[in-house]
Amino acid sequence: MPEVDRYRVVFYGASAERPGLKAKIELYAQRGDALASVGKIRFHAGESLPPDEKTKAGLVMNLPADELGRVLDTLRDQRPIYFSFHEGRAVLGSGIEPVGLHDRKTPRLVHVVEEAPSAPPRLTEPTAPPSD
């Protein structure tokens, strides 16, 4: 089960060849000084998805386009990440993590404000750089 070390996101415009293909994420594993492709995740519009594949070039997972954000969040927030093929389909998953890992020390995308600030922030005029 290859570990994913890097990824690249590609978005697609309209196409007559693949009208439903909206984006893909290419997954890579570090192999010494080089990166090796482990596979890709394709994101499609509509309800009909092609089956996942295992090819010589790597694994291909096909997901609905609305899953793109969740997959990107997983790639950004989890480590290790593994990509494999099991029971006829591609599988992207994280390593085993302890319960309660997401605590106050973990950075969050949303900051919860527990009380209103005492005064609104003051805007200041930009200052000119000192002249020589």
C-alpha atoms as a PDB file:
ATOM      1  CA  MET A   1       0.000   0.000   0.000  1.00  0.00           C
ATOM      2  CA  PRO A   2       1.941   3.064  -1.228  1.00  0.00           C
ATOM      3  CA  GLU A   3       2.168   6.085   1.012  1.00  0.00           C
ATOM      4  CA  VAL A   4       1.277   9.399  -0.634  1.00  0.00           C
ATOM      5  CA  ASP A   5       3.884  12.126  -0.078  1.00  0.00           C
ATOM      6  CA  ARG A   6       2.855  14.777  -2.609  1.00  0.00           C
ATOM      7  CA  TYR A   7      -0.121  15.724  -4.748  1.00  0.00           C
ATOM      8  CA  ARG A   8      -1.050  18.040  -7.601  1.00  0.00           C
ATOM      9  CA  VAL A   9      -4.517  19.410  -8.424  1.00  0.00           C
ATOM     10  CA  VAL A  10      -5.686  19.996 -12.010  1.00  0.00           C
ATOM     11  CA  PHE A  11      -9.015  21.613 -12.962  1.00  0.00           C
ATOM     12  CA  TYR A  12     -10.608  21.056 -16.373  1.00  0.00           C
ATOM     13  CA  GLY A  13     -12.787  23.303 -18.508  1.00  0.00           C
ATOM     14  CA  ALA A  14     -15.532  22.090 -20.849  1.00  0.00           C
ATOM     15  CA  SER A  15     -14.583  19.303 -23.259  1.00  0.00           C
ATOM     16  CA  ALA A  16     -16.414  17.316 -25.925  1.00  0.00           C
ATOM     17  CA  GLU A  17     -14.231  14.259 -25.186  1.00  0.00           C
ATOM     18  CA  ARG A  18     -14.831  14.117 -21.424  1.00  0.00           C
ATOM     19  CA  PRO A  19     -17.671  16.496 -20.624  1.00  0.00           C
ATOM     20  CA  GLY A  20     -18.122  15.296 -17.046  1.00  0.00           C
ATOM     21  CA  LEU A  21     -14.449  15.378 -15.976  1.00  0.00           C
ATOM     22  CA  LYS A  22     -14.037  18.479 -13.800  1.00  0.00           C
ATOM     23  CA  ALA A  23     -10.763  17.949 -11.921  1.00  0.00           C
ATOM     24  CA  LYS A  24      -8.128  15.438 -10.924  1.00  0.00           C
ATOM     25  CA  ILE A  25      -5.610  15.043  -8.151  1.00  0.00           C
ATOM     26  CA  GLU A  26      -2.363  13.308  -9.069  1.00  0.00           C
ATOM     27  CA  LEU A  27      -0.764  11.409  -6.181  1.00  0.00           C
ATOM     28  CA  TYR A  28       2.985  10.839  -5.769  1.00  0.00           C
ATOM     29  CA  ALA A  29       5.294   8.855  -3.495  1.00  0.00           C
ATOM     30  CA  GLN A  30       8.878   9.815  -2.656  1.00  0.00           C
ATOM     31  CA  ARG A  31      11.337   7.228  -3.991  1.00  0.00           C
ATOM     32  CA  GLY A  32      14.805   8.345  -2.957  1.00  0.00           C
ATOM     33  CA  ASP A  33      15.463  11.644  -4.736  1.00  0.00           C
ATOM     34  CA  ALA A  34      12.594  11.180  -7.214  1.00  0.00           C
ATOM     35  CA  LEU A  35       8.815  11.293  -7.095  1.00  0.00           C
ATOM     36  CA  ALA A  36       6.903   8.319  -8.477  1.00  0.00           C
ATOM     37  CA  SER A  37       3.276   8.497  -9.560  1.00  0.00           C
ATOM     38  CA  VAL A  38       1.022   6.276  -7.436  1.00  0.00           C
ATOM     39  CA  GLY A  39      -2.169   7.177  -9.243  1.00  0.00           C
ATOM     40  CA  LYS A  40      -4.866   9.774  -9.608  1.00  0.00           C
ATOM     41  CA  ILE A  41      -8.298  10.666  -8.376  1.00  0.00           C
ATOM     42  CA  ARG A  42     -10.682  11.985 -11.036  1.00  0.00           C
ATOM     43  CA  PHE A  43     -13.711  14.090 -10.134  1.00  0.00           C
ATOM     44  CA  HIS A  44     -16.781  13.898 -12.369  1.00  0.00           C
ATOM     45  CA  ALA A  45     -20.025  15.852 -12.681  1.00  0.00           C
ATOM     46  CA  GLY A  46     -23.224  13.828 -12.755  1.00  0.00           C
ATOM     47  CA  GLU A  47     -24.210  10.597 -11.104  1.00  0.00           C
ATOM     48  CA  SER A  48     -22.685   8.098 -13.541  1.00  0.00           C
ATOM     49  CA  LEU A  49     -19.055   7.335 -12.692  1.00  0.00           C
ATOM     50  CA  PRO A  50     -16.616   5.085 -14.539  1.00  0.00           C
ATOM     51  CA  PRO A  51     -15.267   2.199 -12.444  1.00  0.00           C
ATOM     52  CA  ASP A  52     -11.964   2.574 -10.613  1.00  0.00           C
ATOM     53  CA  GLU A  53      -8.975   1.010 -12.367  1.00  0.00           C
ATOM     54  CA  LYS A  54      -5.634  -0.560 -11.577  1.00  0.00           C
ATOM     55  CA  THR A  55      -3.258   0.024 -14.511  1.00  0.00           C
ATOM     56  CA  LYS A  56       0.488  -0.172 -15.133  1.00  0.00           C
ATOM     57  CA  ALA A  57       0.613   3.616 -14.760  1.00  0.00           C
ATOM     58  CA  GLY A  58      -1.051   3.466 -11.329  1.00  0.00           C
ATOM     59  CA  LEU A  59      -4.447   3.469  -9.697  1.00  0.00           C
ATOM     60  CA  VAL A  60      -7.384   5.566 -10.886  1.00  0.00           C
ATOM     61  CA  MET A  61     -10.167   6.455  -8.457  1.00  0.00           C
ATOM     62  CA  ASN A  62     -13.348   8.101  -9.781  1.00  0.00           C
ATOM     63  CA  LEU A  63     -15.439  10.260  -7.450  1.00  0.00           C
ATOM     64  CA  PRO A  64     -18.282  12.781  -7.754  1.00  0.00           C
ATOM     65  CA  ALA A  65     -17.065  16.369  -8.213  1.00  0.00           C
ATOM     66  CA  ASP A  66     -18.592  17.415  -4.889  1.00  0.00           C
ATOM     67  CA  GLU A  67     -16.077  15.178  -3.050  1.00  0.00           C
ATOM     68  CA  LEU A  68     -13.104  17.288  -4.221  1.00  0.00           C
ATOM     69  CA  GLY A  69     -13.069  19.523  -1.118  1.00  0.00           C
ATOM     70  CA  ARG A  70     -13.183  16.581   1.291  1.00  0.00           C
ATOM     71  CA  VAL A  71     -10.350  14.800  -0.495  1.00  0.00           C
ATOM     72  CA  LEU A  72      -8.217  17.962  -0.505  1.00  0.00           C
ATOM     73  CA  ASP A  73      -8.901  18.475   3.219  1.00  0.00           C
ATOM     74  CA  THR A  74      -7.832  14.889   3.891  1.00  0.00           C
ATOM     75  CA  LEU A  75      -4.615  15.313   1.891  1.00  0.00           C
ATOM     76  CA  ARG A  76      -3.810  18.587   3.669  1.00  0.00           C
ATOM     77  CA  ASP A  77      -4.706  17.523   7.208  1.00  0.00           C
ATOM     78  CA  GLN A  78      -3.804  13.837   7.532  1.00  0.00           C
ATOM     79  CA  ARG A  79      -0.519  11.977   7.544  1.00  0.00           C
ATOM     80  CA  PRO A  80       0.282   9.315   6.618  1.00  0.00           C
ATOM     81  CA  ILE A  81      -2.023   8.886   3.600  1.00  0.00           C
ATOM     82  CA  TYR A  82      -2.190   5.613   1.684  1.00  0.00           C
ATOM     83  CA  PHE A  83      -3.587   4.852  -1.786  1.00  0.00           C
ATOM     84  CA  SER A  84      -4.369   1.249  -2.711  1.00  0.00           C
ATOM     85  CA  PHE A  85      -6.673  -1.035  -4.684  1.00  0.00           C
ATOM     86  CA  HIS A  86      -8.888  -3.390  -2.693  1.00  0.00           C
ATOM     87  CA  GLU A  87     -11.899  -5.499  -3.676  1.00  0.00           C
ATOM     88  CA  GLY A  88     -12.130  -3.966  -7.151  1.00  0.00           C
ATOM     89  CA  ARG A  89     -11.885  -0.321  -6.176  1.00  0.00           C
ATOM     90  CA  ALA A  90      -9.324   2.326  -5.302  1.00  0.00           C
ATOM     91  CA  VAL A  91      -9.016   3.251  -1.624  1.00  0.00           C
ATOM     92  CA  LEU A  92      -7.579   6.461  -0.141  1.00  0.00           C
ATOM     93  CA  GLY A  93      -7.100   6.393   3.614  1.00  0.00           C
ATOM     94  CA  SER A  94      -5.116   7.688   6.539  1.00  0.00           C
ATOM     95  CA  GLY A  95      -2.948   5.865   9.023  1.00  0.00           C
ATOM     96  CA  ILE A  96      -4.221   4.982  12.474  1.00  0.00           C
ATOM     97  CA  GLU A  97      -4.548   8.043  14.704  1.00  0.00           C
ATOM     98  CA  PRO A  98      -5.166   8.424  18.425  1.00  0.00           C
ATOM     99  CA  VAL A  99      -8.621   9.497  19.577  1.00  0.00           C
ATOM    100  CA  GLY A 100      -8.871  13.196  20.448  1.00  0.00           C
ATOM    101  CA  LEU A 101      -5.968  14.249  18.259  1.00  0.00           C
ATOM    102  CA  HIS A 102      -7.787  17.422  17.179  1.00  0.00           C
ATOM    103  CA  ASP A 103      -7.370  19.561  20.282  1.00  0.00           C
ATOM    104  CA  ARG A 104      -6.712  23.248  20.999  1.00  0.00           C
ATOM    105  CA  LYS A 105      -3.071  22.928  19.929  1.00  0.00           C
ATOM    106  CA  THR A 106      -4.124  21.910  16.423  1.00  0.00           C
ATOM    107  CA  PRO A 107      -4.463  24.851  14.011  1.00  0.00           C
ATOM    108  CA  ARG A 108      -8.003  25.285  12.705  1.00  0.00           C
ATOM    109  CA  LEU A 109      -9.414  26.861   9.591  1.00  0.00           C
ATOM    110  CA  VAL A 110     -12.157  28.498  11.651  1.00  0.00           C
ATOM    111  CA  HIS A 111     -11.425  30.395  14.834  1.00  0.00           C
ATOM    112  CA  VAL A 112     -14.211  30.193  17.388  1.00  0.00           C
ATOM    113  CA  VAL A 113     -14.747  33.552  19.086  1.00  0.00           C
ATOM    114  CA  GLU A 114     -15.928  33.026  22.638  1.00  0.00           C
ATOM    115  CA  GLU A 115     -16.648  36.691  23.386  1.00  0.00           C
ATOM    116  CA  ALA A 116     -16.951  39.863  21.363  1.00  0.00           C
ATOM    117  CA  PRO A 117     -13.899  42.127  21.247  1.00  0.00           C
ATOM    118  CA  SER A 118     -14.109  45.147  23.561  1.00  0.00           C
ATOM    119  CA  ALA A 119     -13.647  47.602  20.687  1.00  0.00           C
ATOM    120  CA  PRO A 120     -13.629  47.289  16.925  1.00  0.00           C
ATOM    121  CA  PRO A 121     -10.173  47.165  15.336  1.00  0.00           C
ATOM    122  CA  ARG A 122      -8.790  50.594  14.421  1.00  0.00           C
ATOM    123  CA  LEU A 123      -7.853  51.276  10.854  1.00  0.00           C
ATOM    124  CA  THR A 124      -4.729  53.344  10.397  1.00  0.00           C
ATOM    125  CA  GLU A 125      -3.526  55.215   7.365  1.00  0.00           C
ATOM    126  CA  PRO A 126      -0.500  53.689   5.662  1.00  0.00           C
ATOM    127  CA  THR A 127       2.702  55.586   6.338  1.00  0.00           C
ATOM    128  CA  ALA A 128       5.076  56.647   3.616  1.00  0.00           C
ATOM    129  CA  PRO A 129       8.487  54.985   3.603  1.00  0.00           C
ATOM    130  CA  PRO A 130      11.296  57.178   4.958  1.00  0.00           C
ATOM    131  CA  SER A 131      13.006  59.251   2.286  1.00  0.00           C
ATOM    132  CA  ASP A 132      16.745  59.042   1.851  1.00  0.00           C
END
